[in-house]
Amino acid sequence: QVQLVESGGGLVQAGGSLRLSCLASGRSFSSHTMAWFRQAPGLEREFVAAIGLYDDRTYNADSVKGRFTISRDDAKNTVALTMNSLKPEDTAVYYCAARAFGIAEVALSSSEYPYWGPGTQVTVSS
């Protein structure tokens, strides 16, 4: 079991940057593949980025490639999403998610992640 809490959201102008952080409880954080998803009003939750075990595998959605970077610090039980060159279409609630214990592969579907944080709002103004 792992509990997740996001932080770092806010209001930023287009072209700006934000860094989201997700703090996980429990001693098994290093054994969970982690991901970020986002959901804009009226739209389905969509995959943003994921990072596998031991920080050796990452995957970004095409819409954020070259702008967003996912990273993890197992010593601090945190996963971060660094977002640069933000666009108004990046506006959404951003969620941190974890796969079940020991699964190394990243996944693009939200159904593959049983653990979720409450989300943090990111608003990009034009």
Foldseek 3Di string as FASTA:
>chain_A
DKAKAKDWADEEAAQAKTKMKIAIDDLQLLQWKKFKWWDDPPGDIWGAKIAFHPRPDIDGDPVQPPFWDWDDDSVRRMIMIIGGRDDQVVWTWMKMFIADGRDGDDDGDPVRTPYIHPTDTHGYHD
